[in-house]
Amino acid sequence: MNHLHIAGRFMRKIAVPLVDGKLARQFIHADTLLVAEVDDHGTIHSRQYTNPPKNDPGILPDWLLSRGIMYIILNLTEEESLHVFERKSIVVLEGYTDRTPEDLIRMYAAGYRHVHHEHDKR
């Protein structure tokens, strides 16, 4: 799996689709993707801003996986998109547009439970 351990801490990459610096209401409208490397205490160790692939949500999961990203924060108005990510075992985290992207990342990294993941369905 694409997790690192640095100085005894569990590290992961979390992606957040943005429009004008805020969580995008729909991924296809995102103008930027924030990719943060974060530890299990919620400390953000690095931030990278990149342009996400446009107009083809089907390629996005493979694009994320090729960059070691196993988590994505989405606005849950995108119910249709959830299955696209879950089929590739990317954990989908619920986003709230009233929080900053960094707050969302810290909240999940520090233990806030994710709301959708294929392995959680019984």
PDB file of N, CA and C in Angstrom:
ATOM      1  N   MET A   1       0.838  -1.178   0.000  1.00  0.00           N
ATOM      2  CA  MET A   1       0.000   0.000   0.000  1.00  0.00           C
ATOM      3  C   MET A   1       0.880   1.238   0.000  1.00  0.00           C
ATOM      4  N   ASN A   2       0.339   2.359  -0.385  1.00  0.00           N
ATOM      5  CA  ASN A   2       1.115   3.581  -0.549  1.00  0.00           C
ATOM      6  C   ASN A   2       1.154   4.432   0.715  1.00  0.00           C
ATOM      7  N   HIS A   3       1.604   3.836   1.819  1.00  0.00           N
ATOM      8  CA  HIS A   3       1.744   4.573   3.062  1.00  0.00           C
ATOM      9  C   HIS A   3       3.210   4.542   3.451  1.00  0.00           C
ATOM     10  N   LEU A   4       3.660   5.587   4.081  1.00  0.00           N
ATOM     11  CA  LEU A   4       5.038   5.674   4.524  1.00  0.00           C
ATOM     12  C   LEU A   4       5.077   5.769   6.035  1.00  0.00           C
ATOM     13  N   HIS A   5       6.169   5.361   6.591  1.00  0.00           N
ATOM     14  CA  HIS A   5       6.404   5.578   8.014  1.00  0.00           C
ATOM     15  C   HIS A   5       7.647   6.445   8.123  1.00  0.00           C
ATOM     16  N   ILE A   6       7.484   7.607   8.705  1.00  0.00           N
ATOM     17  CA  ILE A   6       8.601   8.527   8.890  1.00  0.00           C
ATOM     18  C   ILE A   6       8.657   8.877  10.367  1.00  0.00           C
ATOM     19  N   ALA A   7       9.803   8.667  10.979  1.00  0.00           N
ATOM     20  CA  ALA A   7      10.011   8.948  12.393  1.00  0.00           C
ATOM     21  C   ALA A   7       8.911   8.308  13.237  1.00  0.00           C
ATOM     22  N   GLY A   8       8.527   7.071  12.887  1.00  0.00           N
ATOM     23  CA  GLY A   8       7.532   6.351  13.661  1.00  0.00           C
ATOM     24  C   GLY A   8       6.099   6.773  13.420  1.00  0.00           C
ATOM     25  N   ARG A   9       5.887   7.650  12.456  1.00  0.00           N
ATOM     26  CA  ARG A   9       4.528   8.122  12.176  1.00  0.00           C
ATOM     27  C   ARG A   9       4.030   7.559  10.860  1.00  0.00           C
ATOM     28  N   PHE A  10       2.757   7.252  10.844  1.00  0.00           N
ATOM     29  CA  PHE A  10       2.080   6.741   9.663  1.00  0.00           C
ATOM     30  C   PHE A  10       1.768   7.920   8.745  1.00  0.00           C
ATOM     31  N   MET A  11       2.276   7.888   7.517  1.00  0.00           N
ATOM     32  CA  MET A  11       2.088   8.989   6.574  1.00  0.00           C
ATOM     33  C   MET A  11       1.159   8.556   5.456  1.00  0.00           C
ATOM     34  N   ARG A  12       0.342   9.484   4.978  1.00  0.00           N
ATOM     35  CA  ARG A  12      -0.525   9.197   3.837  1.00  0.00           C
ATOM     36  C   ARG A  12      -0.680  10.459   2.997  1.00  0.00           C
ATOM     37  N   LYS A  13      -1.093  10.255   1.749  1.00  0.00           N
ATOM     38  CA  LYS A  13      -1.379  11.379   0.859  1.00  0.00           C
ATOM     39  C   LYS A  13      -2.886  11.510   0.722  1.00  0.00           C
ATOM     40  N   ILE A  14      -3.347  12.739   0.900  1.00  0.00           N
ATOM     41  CA  ILE A  14      -4.769  13.045   0.784  1.00  0.00           C
ATOM     42  C   ILE A  14      -4.934  14.119  -0.283  1.00  0.00           C
ATOM     43  N   ALA A  15      -5.866  13.892  -1.216  1.00  0.00           N
ATOM     44  CA  ALA A  15      -6.141  14.853  -2.281  1.00  0.00           C
ATOM     45  C   ALA A  15      -7.434  15.608  -1.989  1.00  0.00           C
ATOM     46  N   VAL A  16      -7.423  16.902  -2.323  1.00  0.00           N
ATOM     47  CA  VAL A  16      -8.606  17.741  -2.158  1.00  0.00           C
ATOM     48  C   VAL A  16      -8.797  18.551  -3.441  1.00  0.00           C
ATOM     49  N   PRO A  17      -9.904  18.337  -4.174  1.00  0.00           N
ATOM     50  CA  PRO A  17     -10.178  19.138  -5.371  1.00  0.00           C
ATOM     51  C   PRO A  17     -10.662  20.530  -4.957  1.00  0.00           C
ATOM     52  N   LEU A  18     -10.081  21.564  -5.574  1.00  0.00           N
ATOM     53  CA  LEU A  18     -10.372  22.944  -5.177  1.00  0.00           C
ATOM     54  C   LEU A  18     -10.887  23.787  -6.340  1.00  0.00           C
ATOM     55  N   VAL A  19     -11.721  24.754  -5.989  1.00  0.00           N
ATOM     56  CA  VAL A  19     -12.108  25.848  -6.881  1.00  0.00           C
ATOM     57  C   VAL A  19     -11.889  27.127  -6.084  1.00  0.00           C
ATOM     58  N   ASP A  20     -11.055  28.004  -6.599  1.00  0.00           N
ATOM     59  CA  ASP A  20     -10.733  29.255  -5.908  1.00  0.00           C
ATOM     60  C   ASP A  20     -10.277  29.017  -4.463  1.00  0.00           C
ATOM     61  N   GLY A  21      -9.507  27.943  -4.249  1.00  0.00           N
ATOM     62  CA  GLY A  21      -8.936  27.677  -2.935  1.00  0.00           C
ATOM     63  C   GLY A  21      -9.859  26.989  -1.951  1.00  0.00           C
ATOM     64  N   LYS A  22     -11.087  26.660  -2.349  1.00  0.00           N
ATOM     65  CA  LYS A  22     -12.047  25.996  -1.463  1.00  0.00           C
ATOM     66  C   LYS A  22     -12.446  24.655  -2.060  1.00  0.00           C
ATOM     67  N   LEU A  23     -12.962  23.759  -1.210  1.00  0.00           N
ATOM     68  CA  LEU A  23     -13.406  22.454  -1.665  1.00  0.00           C
ATOM     69  C   LEU A  23     -14.401  22.609  -2.809  1.00  0.00           C
ATOM     70  N   ALA A  24     -14.115  21.953  -3.917  1.00  0.00           N
ATOM     71  CA  ALA A  24     -15.000  22.022  -5.087  1.00  0.00           C
ATOM     72  C   ALA A  24     -16.307  21.301  -4.793  1.00  0.00           C
ATOM     73  N   ARG A  25     -17.398  21.866  -5.243  1.00  0.00           N
ATOM     74  CA  ARG A  25     -18.703  21.205  -5.070  1.00  0.00           C
ATOM     75  C   ARG A  25     -18.795  19.969  -5.953  1.00  0.00           C
ATOM     76  N   GLN A  26     -18.144  19.986  -7.105  1.00  0.00           N
ATOM     77  CA  GLN A  26     -18.074  18.830  -7.987  1.00  0.00           C
ATOM     78  C   GLN A  26     -16.644  18.710  -8.497  1.00  0.00           C
ATOM     79  N   PHE A  27     -16.131  17.492  -8.503  1.00  0.00           N
ATOM     80  CA  PHE A  27     -14.738  17.304  -8.885  1.00  0.00           C
ATOM     81  C   PHE A  27     -14.459  17.790 -10.294  1.00  0.00           C
ATOM     82  N   ILE A  28     -15.396  17.605 -11.205  1.00  0.00           N
ATOM     83  CA  ILE A  28     -15.130  17.979 -12.600  1.00  0.00           C
ATOM     84  C   ILE A  28     -14.940  19.481 -12.773  1.00  0.00           C
ATOM     85  N   HIS A  29     -15.333  20.268 -11.765  1.00  0.00           N
ATOM     86  CA  HIS A  29     -15.152  21.718 -11.842  1.00  0.00           C
ATOM     87  C   HIS A  29     -13.887  22.205 -11.142  1.00  0.00           C
ATOM     88  N   ALA A  30     -13.136  21.286 -10.558  1.00  0.00           N
ATOM     89  CA  ALA A  30     -11.930  21.673  -9.819  1.00  0.00           C
ATOM     90  C   ALA A  30     -10.903  22.279 -10.759  1.00  0.00           C
ATOM     91  N   ASP A  31     -10.333  23.416 -10.343  1.00  0.00           N
ATOM     92  CA  ASP A  31      -9.269  24.028 -11.134  1.00  0.00           C
ATOM     93  C   ASP A  31      -7.891  23.642 -10.602  1.00  0.00           C
ATOM     94  N   THR A  32      -7.859  23.130  -9.366  1.00  0.00           N
ATOM     95  CA  THR A  32      -6.606  22.749  -8.723  1.00  0.00           C
ATOM     96  C   THR A  32      -6.866  21.535  -7.835  1.00  0.00           C
ATOM     97  N   LEU A  33      -5.838  20.733  -7.674  1.00  0.00           N
ATOM     98  CA  LEU A  33      -5.908  19.614  -6.738  1.00  0.00           C
ATOM     99  C   LEU A  33      -4.802  19.806  -5.714  1.00  0.00           C
ATOM    100  N   LEU A  34      -5.188  19.896  -4.447  1.00  0.00           N
ATOM    101  CA  LEU A  34      -4.219  19.954  -3.363  1.00  0.00           C
ATOM    102  C   LEU A  34      -3.909  18.525  -2.944  1.00  0.00           C
ATOM    103  N   VAL A  35      -2.630  18.176  -2.946  1.00  0.00           N
ATOM    104  CA  VAL A  35      -2.190  16.874  -2.467  1.00  0.00           C
ATOM    105  C   VAL A  35      -1.295  17.144  -1.261  1.00  0.00           C
ATOM    106  N   ALA A  36      -1.741  16.646  -0.117  1.00  0.00           N
ATOM    107  CA  ALA A  36      -0.987  16.876   1.116  1.00  0.00           C
ATOM    108  C   ALA A  36      -0.489  15.548   1.662  1.00  0.00           C
ATOM    109  N   GLU A  37       0.750  15.555   2.117  1.00  0.00           N
ATOM    110  CA  GLU A  37       1.294  14.402   2.822  1.00  0.00           C
ATOM    111  C   GLU A  37       1.159  14.710   4.307  1.00  0.00           C
ATOM    112  N   VAL A  38       0.479  13.831   5.008  1.00  0.00           N
ATOM    113  CA  VAL A  38       0.089  14.115   6.381  1.00  0.00           C
ATOM    114  C   VAL A  38       0.337  12.898   7.264  1.00  0.00           C
ATOM    115  N   ASP A  39       0.660  13.147   8.539  1.00  0.00           N
ATOM    116  CA  ASP A  39       0.878  12.024   9.448  1.00  0.00           C
ATOM    117  C   ASP A  39      -0.392  11.741  10.250  1.00  0.00           C
ATOM    118  N   ASP A  40      -0.338  10.699  11.060  1.00  0.00           N
ATOM    119  CA  ASP A  40      -1.521  10.261  11.796  1.00  0.00           C
ATOM    120  C   ASP A  40      -1.890  11.173  12.963  1.00  0.00           C
ATOM    121  N   HIS A  41      -1.101  12.217  13.198  1.00  0.00           N
ATOM    122  CA  HIS A  41      -1.436  13.209  14.217  1.00  0.00           C
ATOM    123  C   HIS A  41      -2.074  14.456  13.603  1.00  0.00           C
ATOM    124  N   GLY A  42      -2.212  14.454  12.281  1.00  0.00           N
ATOM    125  CA  GLY A  42      -2.829  15.590  11.604  1.00  0.00           C
ATOM    126  C   GLY A  42      -1.848  16.659  11.164  1.00  0.00           C
ATOM    127  N   THR A  43      -0.548  16.390  11.285  1.00  0.00           N
ATOM    128  CA  THR A  43       0.458  17.348  10.853  1.00  0.00           C
ATOM    129  C   THR A  43       0.686  17.213   9.358  1.00  0.00           C
ATOM    130  N   ILE A  44       0.543  18.322   8.655  1.00  0.00           N
ATOM    131  CA  ILE A  44       0.781  18.339   7.213  1.00  0.00           C
ATOM    132  C   ILE A  44       2.273  18.556   6.986  1.00  0.00           C
ATOM    133  N   HIS A  45       2.925  17.598   6.317  1.00  0.00           N
ATOM    134  CA  HIS A  45       4.364  17.677   6.082  1.00  0.00           C
ATOM    135  C   HIS A  45       4.711  18.285   4.731  1.00  0.00           C
ATOM    136  N   SER A  46       3.806  18.154   3.769  1.00  0.00           N
ATOM    137  CA  SER A  46       4.048  18.786   2.473  1.00  0.00           C
ATOM    138  C   SER A  46       2.715  19.057   1.785  1.00  0.00           C
ATOM    139  N   ARG A  47       2.732  20.063   0.917  1.00  0.00           N
ATOM    140  CA  ARG A  47       1.573  20.422   0.103  1.00  0.00           C
ATOM    141  C   ARG A  47       2.038  20.579  -1.328  1.00  0.00           C
ATOM    142  N   GLN A  48       1.259  20.031  -2.222  1.00  0.00           N
ATOM    143  CA  GLN A  48       1.554  20.209  -3.642  1.00  0.00           C
ATOM    144  C   GLN A  48       0.238  20.575  -4.325  1.00  0.00           C
ATOM    145  N   TYR A  49       0.289  21.595  -5.144  1.00  0.00           N
ATOM    146  CA  TYR A  49      -0.878  22.004  -5.918  1.00  0.00           C
ATOM    147  C   TYR A  49      -0.617  21.614  -7.368  1.00  0.00           C
ATOM    148  N   THR A  50      -1.578  20.930  -7.960  1.00  0.00           N
ATOM    149  CA  THR A  50      -1.410  20.438  -9.320  1.00  0.00           C
ATOM    150  C   THR A  50      -2.725  20.577 -10.074  1.00  0.00           C
ATOM    151  N   ASN A  51      -2.645  20.461 -11.375  1.00  0.00           N
ATOM    152  CA  ASN A  51      -3.845  20.490 -12.200  1.00  0.00           C
ATOM    153  C   ASN A  51      -4.366  19.075 -12.368  1.00  0.00           C
ATOM    154  N   PRO A  52      -5.613  18.831 -11.972  1.00  0.00           N
ATOM    155  CA  PRO A  52      -6.167  17.483 -12.141  1.00  0.00           C
ATOM    156  C   PRO A  52      -6.523  17.222 -13.600  1.00  0.00           C
ATOM    157  N   PRO A  53      -6.619  15.959 -13.986  1.00  0.00           N
ATOM    158  CA  PRO A  53      -7.083  15.674 -15.350  1.00  0.00           C
ATOM    159  C   PRO A  53      -8.506  16.188 -15.518  1.00  0.00           C
ATOM    160  N   LYS A  54      -8.821  16.686 -16.675  1.00  0.00           N
ATOM    161  CA  LYS A  54     -10.130  17.296 -16.916  1.00  0.00           C
ATOM    162  C   LYS A  54     -11.054  16.381 -17.700  1.00  0.00           C
ATOM    163  N   ASN A  55     -12.331  16.534 -17.428  1.00  0.00           N
ATOM    164  CA  ASN A  55     -13.426  15.993 -18.235  1.00  0.00           C
ATOM    165  C   ASN A  55     -13.485  14.491 -18.397  1.00  0.00           C
ATOM    166  N   ASP A  56     -12.757  13.736 -17.593  1.00  0.00           N
ATOM    167  CA  ASP A  56     -12.880  12.288 -17.678  1.00  0.00           C
ATOM    168  C   ASP A  56     -12.713  11.692 -16.292  1.00  0.00           C
ATOM    169  N   PRO A  57     -13.803  11.665 -15.516  1.00  0.00           N
ATOM    170  CA  PRO A  57     -13.704  11.155 -14.158  1.00  0.00           C
ATOM    171  C   PRO A  57     -13.243   9.698 -14.103  1.00  0.00           C
ATOM    172  N   GLY A  58     -13.397   8.950 -15.186  1.00  0.00           N
ATOM    173  CA  GLY A  58     -12.992   7.557 -15.207  1.00  0.00           C
ATOM    174  C   GLY A  58     -11.492   7.346 -15.095  1.00  0.00           C
ATOM    175  N   ILE A  59     -10.691   8.310 -15.545  1.00  0.00           N
ATOM    176  CA  ILE A  59      -9.237   8.145 -15.455  1.00  0.00           C
ATOM    177  C   ILE A  59      -8.673   8.652 -14.138  1.00  0.00           C
ATOM    178  N   LEU A  60      -9.458   9.414 -13.399  1.00  0.00           N
ATOM    179  CA  LEU A  60      -8.961  10.030 -12.178  1.00  0.00           C
ATOM    180  C   LEU A  60      -8.451   9.027 -11.142  1.00  0.00           C
ATOM    181  N   PRO A  61      -9.148   7.939 -10.840  1.00  0.00           N
ATOM    182  CA  PRO A  61      -8.622   7.008  -9.833  1.00  0.00           C
ATOM    183  C   PRO A  61      -7.231   6.472 -10.183  1.00  0.00           C
ATOM    184  N   ASP A  62      -7.016   6.075 -11.421  1.00  0.00           N
ATOM    185  CA  ASP A  62      -5.692   5.579 -11.816  1.00  0.00           C
ATOM    186  C   ASP A  62      -4.651   6.689 -11.740  1.00  0.00           C
ATOM    187  N   TRP A  63      -5.040   7.899 -12.100  1.00  0.00           N
ATOM    188  CA  TRP A  63      -4.146   9.054 -12.020  1.00  0.00           C
ATOM    189  C   TRP A  63      -3.720   9.288 -10.572  1.00  0.00           C
ATOM    190  N   LEU A  64      -4.676   9.216  -9.632  1.00  0.00           N
ATOM    191  CA  LEU A  64      -4.358   9.382  -8.214  1.00  0.00           C
ATOM    192  C   LEU A  64      -3.448   8.266  -7.717  1.00  0.00           C
ATOM    193  N   LEU A  65      -3.802   7.029  -8.043  1.00  0.00           N
ATOM    194  CA  LEU A  65      -2.998   5.890  -7.594  1.00  0.00           C
ATOM    195  C   LEU A  65      -1.572   5.953  -8.119  1.00  0.00           C
ATOM    196  N   SER A  66      -1.391   6.427  -9.355  1.00  0.00           N
ATOM    197  CA  SER A  66      -0.042   6.526  -9.921  1.00  0.00           C
ATOM    198  C   SER A  66       0.820   7.536  -9.170  1.00  0.00           C
ATOM    199  N   ARG A  67       0.195   8.396  -8.384  1.00  0.00           N
ATOM    200  CA  ARG A  67       0.904   9.390  -7.573  1.00  0.00           C
ATOM    201  C   ARG A  67       0.927   9.018  -6.093  1.00  0.00           C
ATOM    202  N   GLY A  68       0.500   7.788  -5.769  1.00  0.00           N
ATOM    203  CA  GLY A  68       0.533   7.319  -4.389  1.00  0.00           C
ATOM    204  C   GLY A  68      -0.562   7.877  -3.508  1.00  0.00           C
ATOM    205  N   ILE A  69      -1.628   8.368  -4.111  1.00  0.00           N
ATOM    206  CA  ILE A  69      -2.722   8.981  -3.356  1.00  0.00           C
ATOM    207  C   ILE A  69      -3.819   7.937  -3.143  1.00  0.00           C
ATOM    208  N   MET A  70      -4.098   7.633  -1.877  1.00  0.00           N
ATOM    209  CA  MET A  70      -5.096   6.613  -1.539  1.00  0.00           C
ATOM    210  C   MET A  70      -6.343   7.196  -0.880  1.00  0.00           C
ATOM    211  N   TYR A  71      -6.356   8.513  -0.661  1.00  0.00           N
ATOM    212  CA  TYR A  71      -7.469   9.177   0.014  1.00  0.00           C
ATOM    213  C   TYR A  71      -7.858  10.417  -0.780  1.00  0.00           C
ATOM    214  N   ILE A  72      -9.166  10.668  -0.873  1.00  0.00           N
ATOM    215  CA  ILE A  72      -9.635  11.884  -1.508  1.00  0.00           C
ATOM    216  C   ILE A  72     -10.809  12.427  -0.707  1.00  0.00           C
ATOM    217  N   ILE A  73     -10.813  13.733  -0.522  1.00  0.00           N
ATOM    218  CA  ILE A  73     -11.921  14.391   0.163  1.00  0.00           C
ATOM    219  C   ILE A  73     -12.837  14.960  -0.909  1.00  0.00           C
ATOM    220  N   LEU A  74     -14.102  14.533  -0.867  1.00  0.00           N
ATOM    221  CA  LEU A  74     -15.080  14.993  -1.850  1.00  0.00           C
ATOM    222  C   LEU A  74     -16.297  15.567  -1.153  1.00  0.00           C
ATOM    223  N   ASN A  75     -16.918  16.507  -1.809  1.00  0.00           N
ATOM    224  CA  ASN A  75     -18.216  16.986  -1.386  1.00  0.00           C
ATOM    225  C   ASN A  75     -19.193  15.866  -1.726  1.00  0.00           C
ATOM    226  N   LEU A  76     -19.989  15.446  -0.784  1.00  0.00           N
ATOM    227  CA  LEU A  76     -20.826  14.279  -1.016  1.00  0.00           C
ATOM    228  C   LEU A  76     -22.021  14.531  -1.925  1.00  0.00           C
ATOM    229  N   THR A  77     -22.064  15.690  -2.569  1.00  0.00           N
ATOM    230  CA  THR A  77     -23.071  15.867  -3.610  1.00  0.00           C
ATOM    231  C   THR A  77     -22.689  15.013  -4.814  1.00  0.00           C
ATOM    232  N   GLU A  78     -21.491  14.449  -4.793  1.00  0.00           N
ATOM    233  CA  GLU A  78     -20.985  13.649  -5.898  1.00  0.00           C
ATOM    234  C   GLU A  78     -21.199  12.154  -5.662  1.00  0.00           C
ATOM    235  N   GLU A  79     -22.375  11.746  -5.250  1.00  0.00           N
ATOM    236  CA  GLU A  79     -22.647  10.342  -4.960  1.00  0.00           C
ATOM    237  C   GLU A  79     -22.242   9.421  -6.114  1.00  0.00           C
ATOM    238  N   GLU A  80     -22.484   9.857  -7.333  1.00  0.00           N
ATOM    239  CA  GLU A  80     -22.159   9.041  -8.495  1.00  0.00           C
ATOM    240  C   GLU A  80     -20.661   8.750  -8.593  1.00  0.00           C
ATOM    241  N   SER A  81     -19.855   9.706  -8.172  1.00  0.00           N
ATOM    242  CA  SER A  81     -18.406   9.551  -8.259  1.00  0.00           C
ATOM    243  C   SER A  81     -17.841   8.596  -7.223  1.00  0.00           C
ATOM    244  N   LEU A  82     -18.562   8.386  -6.141  1.00  0.00           N
ATOM    245  CA  LEU A  82     -18.041   7.554  -5.059  1.00  0.00           C
ATOM    246  C   LEU A  82     -17.639   6.167  -5.544  1.00  0.00           C
ATOM    247  N   HIS A  83     -18.469   5.554  -6.339  1.00  0.00           N
ATOM    248  CA  HIS A  83     -18.202   4.192  -6.786  1.00  0.00           C
ATOM    249  C   HIS A  83     -16.977   4.106  -7.696  1.00  0.00           C
ATOM    250  N   VAL A  84     -16.729   5.146  -8.458  1.00  0.00           N
ATOM    251  CA  VAL A  84     -15.553   5.170  -9.334  1.00  0.00           C
ATOM    252  C   VAL A  84     -14.284   5.047  -8.495  1.00  0.00           C
ATOM    253  N   PHE A  85     -14.222   5.757  -7.377  1.00  0.00           N
ATOM    254  CA  PHE A  85     -13.053   5.711  -6.502  1.00  0.00           C
ATOM    255  C   PHE A  85     -13.006   4.422  -5.694  1.00  0.00           C
ATOM    256  N   GLU A  86     -14.153   4.012  -5.156  1.00  0.00           N
ATOM    257  CA  GLU A  86     -14.198   2.821  -4.311  1.00  0.00           C
ATOM    258  C   GLU A  86     -13.782   1.560  -5.062  1.00  0.00           C
ATOM    259  N   ARG A  87     -14.110   1.480  -6.345  1.00  0.00           N
ATOM    260  CA  ARG A  87     -13.710   0.304  -7.136  1.00  0.00           C
ATOM    261  C   ARG A  87     -12.193   0.160  -7.196  1.00  0.00           C
ATOM    262  N   LYS A  88     -11.477   1.252  -7.043  1.00  0.00           N
ATOM    263  CA  LYS A  88     -10.010   1.232  -7.065  1.00  0.00           C
ATOM    264  C   LYS A  88      -9.415   1.267  -5.654  1.00  0.00           C
ATOM    265  N   SER A  89     -10.254   1.088  -4.636  1.00  0.00           N
ATOM    266  CA  SER A  89      -9.841   1.086  -3.220  1.00  0.00           C
ATOM    267  C   SER A  89      -9.281   2.419  -2.755  1.00  0.00           C
ATOM    268  N   ILE A  90      -9.736   3.498  -3.342  1.00  0.00           N
ATOM    269  CA  ILE A  90      -9.395   4.829  -2.852  1.00  0.00           C
ATOM    270  C   ILE A  90     -10.444   5.208  -1.818  1.00  0.00           C
ATOM    271  N   VAL A  91      -9.996   5.598  -0.643  1.00  0.00           N
ATOM    272  CA  VAL A  91     -10.898   5.944   0.445  1.00  0.00           C
ATOM    273  C   VAL A  91     -11.465   7.332   0.171  1.00  0.00           C
ATOM    274  N   VAL A  92     -12.796   7.415   0.180  1.00  0.00           N
ATOM    275  CA  VAL A  92     -13.486   8.681  -0.057  1.00  0.00           C
ATOM    276  C   VAL A  92     -13.912   9.248   1.289  1.00  0.00           C
ATOM    277  N   LEU A  93     -13.486  10.475   1.556  1.00  0.00           N
ATOM    278  CA  LEU A  93     -13.788  11.161   2.806  1.00  0.00           C
ATOM    279  C   LEU A  93     -14.787  12.281   2.531  1.00  0.00           C
ATOM    280  N   GLU A  94     -15.691  12.479   3.458  1.00  0.00           N
ATOM    281  CA  GLU A  94     -16.724  13.501   3.290  1.00  0.00           C
ATOM    282  C   GLU A  94     -16.146  14.885   3.530  1.00  0.00           C
ATOM    283  N   GLY A  95     -16.398  15.793   2.593  1.00  0.00           N
ATOM    284  CA  GLY A  95     -15.907  17.155   2.730  1.00  0.00           C
ATOM    285  C   GLY A  95     -17.022  18.126   3.068  1.00  0.00           C
ATOM    286  N   TYR A  96     -16.670  19.149   3.787  1.00  0.00           N
ATOM    287  CA  TYR A  96     -17.599  20.207   4.147  1.00  0.00           C
ATOM    288  C   TYR A  96     -17.068  21.506   3.566  1.00  0.00           C
ATOM    289  N   THR A  97     -17.862  22.179   2.775  1.00  0.00           N
ATOM    290  CA  THR A  97     -17.371  23.361   2.083  1.00  0.00           C
ATOM    291  C   THR A  97     -17.141  24.548   3.008  1.00  0.00           C
ATOM    292  N   ASP A  98     -17.602  24.469   4.252  1.00  0.00           N
ATOM    293  CA  ASP A  98     -17.380  25.589   5.165  1.00  0.00           C
ATOM    294  C   ASP A  98     -16.046  25.489   5.910  1.00  0.00           C
ATOM    295  N   ARG A  99     -15.268  24.472   5.636  1.00  0.00           N
ATOM    296  CA  ARG A  99     -13.955  24.310   6.266  1.00  0.00           C
ATOM    297  C   ARG A  99     -12.858  24.539   5.236  1.00  0.00           C
ATOM    298  N   THR A 100     -11.692  24.963   5.708  1.00  0.00           N
ATOM    299  CA  THR A 100     -10.569  25.136   4.791  1.00  0.00           C
ATOM    300  C   THR A 100     -10.049  23.762   4.380  1.00  0.00           C
ATOM    301  N   PRO A 101      -9.399  23.671   3.218  1.00  0.00           N
ATOM    302  CA  PRO A 101      -8.825  22.381   2.810  1.00  0.00           C
ATOM    303  C   PRO A 101      -7.857  21.814   3.858  1.00  0.00           C
ATOM    304  N   GLU A 102      -7.041  22.673   4.452  1.00  0.00           N
ATOM    305  CA  GLU A 102      -6.084  22.215   5.461  1.00  0.00           C
ATOM    306  C   GLU A 102      -6.800  21.674   6.691  1.00  0.00           C
ATOM    307  N   ASP A 103      -7.903  22.326   7.111  1.00  0.00           N
ATOM    308  CA  ASP A 103      -8.678  21.822   8.247  1.00  0.00           C
ATOM    309  C   ASP A 103      -9.260  20.449   7.942  1.00  0.00           C
ATOM    310  N   LEU A 104      -9.779  20.272   6.730  1.00  0.00           N
ATOM    311  CA  LEU A 104     -10.327  18.975   6.344  1.00  0.00           C
ATOM    312  C   LEU A 104      -9.254  17.890   6.402  1.00  0.00           C
ATOM    313  N   ILE A 105      -8.078  18.196   5.879  1.00  0.00           N
ATOM    314  CA  ILE A 105      -6.979  17.224   5.861  1.00  0.00           C
ATOM    315  C   ILE A 105      -6.576  16.857   7.288  1.00  0.00           C
ATOM    316  N   ARG A 106      -6.382  17.862   8.134  1.00  0.00           N
ATOM    317  CA  ARG A 106      -5.984  17.603   9.520  1.00  0.00           C
ATOM    318  C   ARG A 106      -7.038  16.781  10.256  1.00  0.00           C
ATOM    319  N   MET A 107      -8.297  17.101  10.031  1.00  0.00           N
ATOM    320  CA  MET A 107      -9.400  16.424  10.710  1.00  0.00           C
ATOM    321  C   MET A 107      -9.383  14.928  10.392  1.00  0.00           C
ATOM    322  N   TYR A 108      -9.244  14.570   9.130  1.00  0.00           N
ATOM    323  CA  TYR A 108      -9.248  13.164   8.763  1.00  0.00           C
ATOM    324  C   TYR A 108      -7.970  12.453   9.177  1.00  0.00           C
ATOM    325  N   ALA A 109      -6.839  13.118   9.027  1.00  0.00           N
ATOM    326  CA  ALA A 109      -5.571  12.479   9.385  1.00  0.00           C
ATOM    327  C   ALA A 109      -5.502  12.191  10.881  1.00  0.00           C
ATOM    328  N   ALA A 110      -6.147  13.024  11.678  1.00  0.00           N
ATOM    329  CA  ALA A 110      -6.104  12.849  13.126  1.00  0.00           C
ATOM    330  C   ALA A 110      -7.168  11.877  13.635  1.00  0.00           C
ATOM    331  N   GLY A 111      -7.903  11.240  12.722  1.00  0.00           N
ATOM    332  CA  GLY A 111      -8.780  10.174  13.162  1.00  0.00           C
ATOM    333  C   GLY A 111     -10.258  10.321  12.896  1.00  0.00           C
ATOM    334  N   TYR A 112     -10.682  11.389  12.257  1.00  0.00           N
ATOM    335  CA  TYR A 112     -12.098  11.501  11.925  1.00  0.00           C
ATOM    336  C   TYR A 112     -12.436  10.376  10.971  1.00  0.00           C
ATOM    337  N   ARG A 113     -13.524   9.657  11.230  1.00  0.00           N
ATOM    338  CA  ARG A 113     -13.831   8.473  10.422  1.00  0.00           C
ATOM    339  C   ARG A 113     -14.247   8.849   9.007  1.00  0.00           C
ATOM    340  N   HIS A 114     -13.879   8.000   8.075  1.00  0.00           N
ATOM    341  CA  HIS A 114     -14.322   8.213   6.700  1.00  0.00           C
ATOM    342  C   HIS A 114     -15.751   7.708   6.565  1.00  0.00           C
ATOM    343  N   VAL A 115     -16.452   8.196   5.574  1.00  0.00           N
ATOM    344  CA  VAL A 115     -17.865   7.879   5.450  1.00  0.00           C
ATOM    345  C   VAL A 115     -18.163   6.858   4.371  1.00  0.00           C
ATOM    346  N   HIS A 116     -17.272   6.647   3.449  1.00  0.00           N
ATOM    347  CA  HIS A 116     -17.513   5.689   2.377  1.00  0.00           C
ATOM    348  C   HIS A 116     -16.230   4.924   2.088  1.00  0.00           C
ATOM    349  N   HIS A 117     -16.310   3.625   2.158  1.00  0.00           N
ATOM    350  CA  HIS A 117     -15.208   2.792   1.706  1.00  0.00           C
ATOM    351  C   HIS A 117     -15.749   1.393   1.512  1.00  0.00           C
ATOM    352  N   GLU A 118     -15.410   0.776   0.432  1.00  0.00           N
ATOM    353  CA  GLU A 118     -15.970  -0.518   0.061  1.00  0.00           C
ATOM    354  C   GLU A 118     -15.804  -1.561   1.175  1.00  0.00           C
ATOM    355  N   HIS A 119     -14.683  -1.544   1.876  1.00  0.00           N
ATOM    356  CA  HIS A 119     -14.422  -2.564   2.907  1.00  0.00           C
ATOM    357  C   HIS A 119     -15.324  -2.387   4.125  1.00  0.00           C
ATOM    358  N   ASP A 120     -15.925  -1.215   4.298  1.00  0.00           N
ATOM    359  CA  ASP A 120     -16.769  -0.967   5.465  1.00  0.00           C
ATOM    360  C   ASP A 120     -18.185  -1.483   5.269  1.00  0.00           C
ATOM    361  N   LYS A 121     -18.553  -1.824   4.063  1.00  0.00           N
ATOM    362  CA  LYS A 121     -19.919  -2.264   3.783  1.00  0.00           C
ATOM    363  C   LYS A 121     -20.044  -3.738   4.130  1.00  0.00           C
ATOM    364  N   ARG A 122     -21.005  -4.058   4.965  1.00  0.00           N
ATOM    365  CA  ARG A 122     -21.189  -5.455   5.375  1.00  0.00           C
ATOM    366  C   ARG A 122     -22.576  -5.910   5.094  1.00  0.00           C
TER     367      ARG A 122
END
